[in-house]
Amino acid sequence: MLKKKGWGWLALLLGALLGTAWARRSQDLHCGACRALVDELEWEIAQVDPKKTIQMGSFRINPDGSQSVVEVPYARSEAHLTELLEEICDRMKEYGEQIDPSTHRKNYVRVVGRDGESNKLDLQGIRIDSDISGTLKFACESIVEEYEDELIEFFSREADNVKDKLCSKRTDGGTSKSRDRKGKMDVTNSAEK
């Protein structure tokens, strides 16, 4: 009987340790996916000509013959951001996994340059395989699916330290489960509160 109790405690301890390791791995993955997503969005927004605009508003003609149409910069428009969010997670195949030697935490880094060249980047210590990019892409898609409206709202305004405000300062894994009373993601910097 004592042997069964000993194995039970060992199984419980092992389960707790594995659960903690899995949670940390999941946190590293979601935080890494969030940070990669922000990098990709910021880069894409910066590539758009600042003079390029899009007409927003109603295209109906008012009784006085005028229209309620305004031109806004295309780079941070809802149309552009929605288009980016539909395809941005495909870029996760351009990332690899690097383990920080001091903390043993996983980081995700771009392994293909923006110009398509990888020979200019230092790839030492970076693991590259389809499992990593597939898992990172799935985590990215989950973030986009869950927080699409909030991401569009957040990126429609220019902001500093986007990664910190959106990913790092969040609890449990890069994107917070912290939501306000209306169910929206809290995207303010915790230092601002």
Protein backbone atom coordinates (compact mmCIF):
# COMPACT_ATOMS: atom_id res chain seq x y z
CA MET A 1 0.00 0.00 0.00
CA LEU A 2 2.84 2.41 0.78
CA LYS A 3 4.38 1.83 -2.64
CA LYS A 4 1.11 2.85 -4.35
CA LYS A 5 0.98 6.08 -2.33
CA GLY A 6 4.61 6.82 -3.22
CA TRP A 7 3.89 6.37 -6.92
CA GLY A 8 0.79 8.54 -6.62
CA TRP A 9 2.77 11.42 -5.14
CA LEU A 10 5.48 10.95 -7.74
CA ALA A 11 2.89 10.99 -10.53
CA LEU A 12 1.29 14.12 -9.03
CA LEU A 13 4.66 15.86 -8.75
CA LEU A 14 5.64 14.86 -12.28
CA GLY A 15 2.28 16.07 -13.59
CA ALA A 16 2.73 19.43 -11.86
CA LEU A 17 6.24 19.85 -13.26
CA LEU A 18 5.15 18.93 -16.78
CA GLY A 19 2.16 21.27 -16.51
CA THR A 20 4.44 24.13 -15.47
CA ALA A 21 6.87 23.41 -18.30
CA TRP A 22 4.01 23.25 -20.82
CA ALA A 23 2.53 26.53 -19.54
CA ARG A 24 5.90 28.26 -19.83
CA ARG A 25 6.41 26.87 -23.34
CA SER A 26 2.93 28.07 -24.28
CA GLN A 27 3.63 31.50 -22.76
CA ASP A 28 6.92 31.79 -24.68
CA LEU A 29 5.16 30.75 -27.89
CA HIS A 30 2.26 33.19 -27.57
CA CYS A 31 4.49 36.05 -26.51
CA GLY A 32 6.89 35.27 -29.38
CA ALA A 33 4.02 35.08 -31.87
CA CYS A 34 2.65 38.39 -30.60
CA ARG A 35 6.05 40.07 -30.91
CA ALA A 36 6.60 38.67 -34.43
CA LEU A 37 3.09 39.78 -35.42
CA VAL A 38 3.79 43.32 -34.19
CA ASP A 39 7.15 43.40 -36.01
CA GLU A 40 5.55 42.32 -39.26
CA LEU A 41 2.65 44.77 -38.97
CA GLU A 42 4.94 47.69 -38.13
CA TRP A 43 7.22 46.87 -41.07
CA GLU A 44 4.31 46.56 -43.51
CA ILE A 45 2.76 49.84 -42.32
CA ALA A 46 6.13 51.60 -42.74
CA GLN A 47 6.36 50.37 -46.37
CA VAL A 48 3.23 52.26 -47.46
CA ASP A 49 3.72 55.65 -49.10
CA PRO A 50 2.57 58.20 -46.48
CA LYS A 51 0.90 60.24 -49.24
CA LYS A 52 -1.36 57.34 -50.22
CA THR A 53 -4.92 57.86 -48.98
CA ILE A 54 -8.22 56.01 -49.05
CA GLN A 55 -11.73 57.45 -49.03
CA MET A 56 -13.74 56.51 -45.96
CA GLY A 57 -17.29 57.27 -45.01
CA SER A 58 -20.61 57.02 -46.73
CA PHE A 59 -20.82 57.17 -50.48
CA ARG A 60 -24.49 58.14 -50.28
CA ILE A 61 -25.50 61.50 -51.58
CA ASN A 62 -27.00 63.76 -48.93
CA PRO A 63 -30.25 65.70 -49.65
CA ASP A 64 -28.15 68.81 -50.31
CA GLY A 65 -26.13 66.93 -52.98
CA SER A 66 -22.95 66.54 -50.94
CA GLN A 67 -21.26 63.34 -49.79
CA SER A 68 -19.89 62.46 -46.33
CA VAL A 69 -16.55 61.15 -47.55
CA VAL A 70 -13.16 61.85 -45.98
CA GLU A 71 -9.70 60.82 -47.10
CA VAL A 72 -7.51 59.12 -44.51
CA PRO A 73 -3.95 57.77 -44.76
CA TYR A 74 -4.07 54.29 -46.26
CA ALA A 75 -1.25 52.82 -44.11
CA ARG A 76 -3.27 52.81 -40.88
CA SER A 77 -6.74 52.55 -42.39
CA GLU A 78 -9.09 49.78 -41.30
CA ALA A 79 -9.10 48.41 -44.86
CA HIS A 80 -5.30 48.14 -45.00
CA LEU A 81 -4.98 46.67 -41.51
CA THR A 82 -7.71 44.10 -42.20
CA GLU A 83 -5.93 43.10 -45.40
CA LEU A 84 -2.62 42.76 -43.52
CA LEU A 85 -4.14 40.66 -40.74
CA GLU A 86 -5.53 38.20 -43.28
CA GLU A 87 -2.07 37.32 -44.59
CA ILE A 88 0.48 38.35 -41.94
CA CYS A 89 0.65 35.00 -40.12
CA ASP A 90 1.98 33.34 -43.30
CA ARG A 91 5.22 35.19 -42.57
CA MET A 92 5.83 33.05 -39.49
CA LYS A 93 7.55 30.55 -41.80
CA GLU A 94 10.36 33.11 -41.94
CA TYR A 95 11.06 32.74 -38.20
CA GLY A 96 13.16 30.32 -36.21
CA GLU A 97 13.47 29.46 -32.54
CA GLN A 98 16.36 30.59 -30.39
CA ILE A 99 16.78 29.59 -26.75
CA ASP A 100 18.24 32.24 -24.47
CA PRO A 101 21.22 30.58 -22.77
CA SER A 102 20.78 32.46 -19.49
CA THR A 103 16.99 32.14 -19.01
CA HIS A 104 16.35 29.04 -21.18
CA ARG A 105 13.32 30.85 -22.60
CA LYS A 106 12.41 30.57 -26.25
CA ASN A 107 12.61 33.58 -28.52
CA TYR A 108 11.48 33.69 -32.12
CA VAL A 109 13.67 35.53 -34.60
CA ARG A 110 13.43 36.27 -38.28
CA VAL A 111 15.66 33.88 -40.22
CA VAL A 112 14.93 35.26 -43.68
CA GLY A 113 15.81 38.87 -44.42
CA ARG A 114 13.15 41.20 -45.73
CA ASP A 115 14.87 41.02 -49.11
CA GLY A 116 14.51 37.21 -49.13
CA GLU A 117 18.18 36.61 -48.33
CA SER A 118 19.18 34.58 -45.29
CA ASN A 119 22.94 34.61 -45.79
CA LYS A 120 23.29 38.10 -44.26
CA LEU A 121 21.75 37.05 -40.93
CA ASP A 122 23.55 35.35 -38.05
CA LEU A 123 21.69 32.05 -37.73
CA GLN A 124 23.95 30.45 -35.14
CA GLY A 125 21.97 28.83 -32.34
CA ILE A 126 18.66 29.19 -34.16
CA ARG A 127 16.52 26.13 -34.78
CA ILE A 128 14.62 26.22 -38.05
CA ASP A 129 12.03 23.61 -38.98
CA SER A 130 8.46 23.32 -40.17
CA ASP A 131 7.16 22.32 -36.71
CA ILE A 132 8.37 25.60 -35.22
CA SER A 133 7.02 27.76 -38.03
CA GLY A 134 3.71 25.85 -38.08
CA THR A 135 3.23 26.20 -34.33
CA LEU A 136 4.18 29.89 -34.47
CA LYS A 137 1.77 30.45 -37.37
CA PHE A 138 -1.05 28.75 -35.44
CA ALA A 139 -0.35 30.91 -32.37
CA CYS A 140 -0.31 34.03 -34.58
CA GLU A 141 -3.63 33.06 -36.19
CA SER A 142 -5.14 32.48 -32.74
CA ILE A 143 -4.05 35.94 -31.61
CA VAL A 144 -5.41 37.57 -34.77
CA GLU A 145 -8.69 35.68 -34.51
CA GLU A 146 -9.22 36.54 -30.86
CA TYR A 147 -8.02 40.15 -30.96
CA GLU A 148 -8.62 41.32 -34.54
CA ASP A 149 -10.80 44.31 -33.63
CA GLU A 150 -8.44 45.41 -30.89
CA LEU A 151 -5.39 45.03 -33.15
CA ILE A 152 -7.03 47.17 -35.83
CA GLU A 153 -8.01 49.76 -33.24
CA PHE A 154 -4.52 49.78 -31.74
CA PHE A 155 -2.60 49.99 -35.05
CA SER A 156 -4.93 52.60 -36.52
CA ARG A 157 -3.20 55.06 -34.19
CA GLU A 158 0.53 55.59 -34.16
CA ALA A 159 2.04 54.51 -30.87
CA ASP A 160 5.43 54.04 -29.29
CA ASN A 161 6.58 50.77 -27.70
CA VAL A 162 3.83 48.75 -29.35
CA LYS A 163 5.39 45.41 -28.37
CA ASP A 164 5.54 46.43 -24.73
CA LYS A 165 2.01 47.78 -24.69
CA LEU A 166 0.50 44.91 -26.63
CA CYS A 167 2.65 41.88 -25.77
CA SER A 168 5.20 42.16 -22.95
CA LYS A 169 3.10 43.90 -20.33
CA ARG A 170 0.29 41.38 -20.73
CA THR A 171 -0.20 38.54 -18.30
CA ASP A 172 0.43 34.91 -19.19
CA GLY A 173 1.95 34.87 -22.60
CA GLY A 174 2.34 37.94 -24.70
CA THR A 175 -1.34 38.65 -25.09
CA SER A 176 -3.43 39.27 -22.08
CA LYS A 177 -6.62 37.66 -21.07
CA SER A 178 -7.11 40.94 -19.23
CA ARG A 179 -10.26 42.47 -20.63
CA ASP A 180 -12.42 45.40 -19.65
CA ARG A 181 -16.10 45.15 -18.75
CA LYS A 182 -17.11 45.19 -22.43
CA GLY A 183 -14.83 42.23 -23.21
CA LYS A 184 -12.22 44.25 -25.10
CA MET A 185 -8.51 43.64 -24.66
CA ASP A 186 -6.80 46.24 -22.48
CA VAL A 187 -4.13 47.71 -24.75
CA THR A 188 -2.79 50.44 -22.49
CA ASN A 189 0.64 50.26 -20.96
CA SER A 190 0.38 49.02 -17.39
CA ALA A 191 2.74 51.84 -16.35
CA GLU A 192 0.12 54.35 -17.56
CA LYS A 193 -2.55 53.06 -15.19
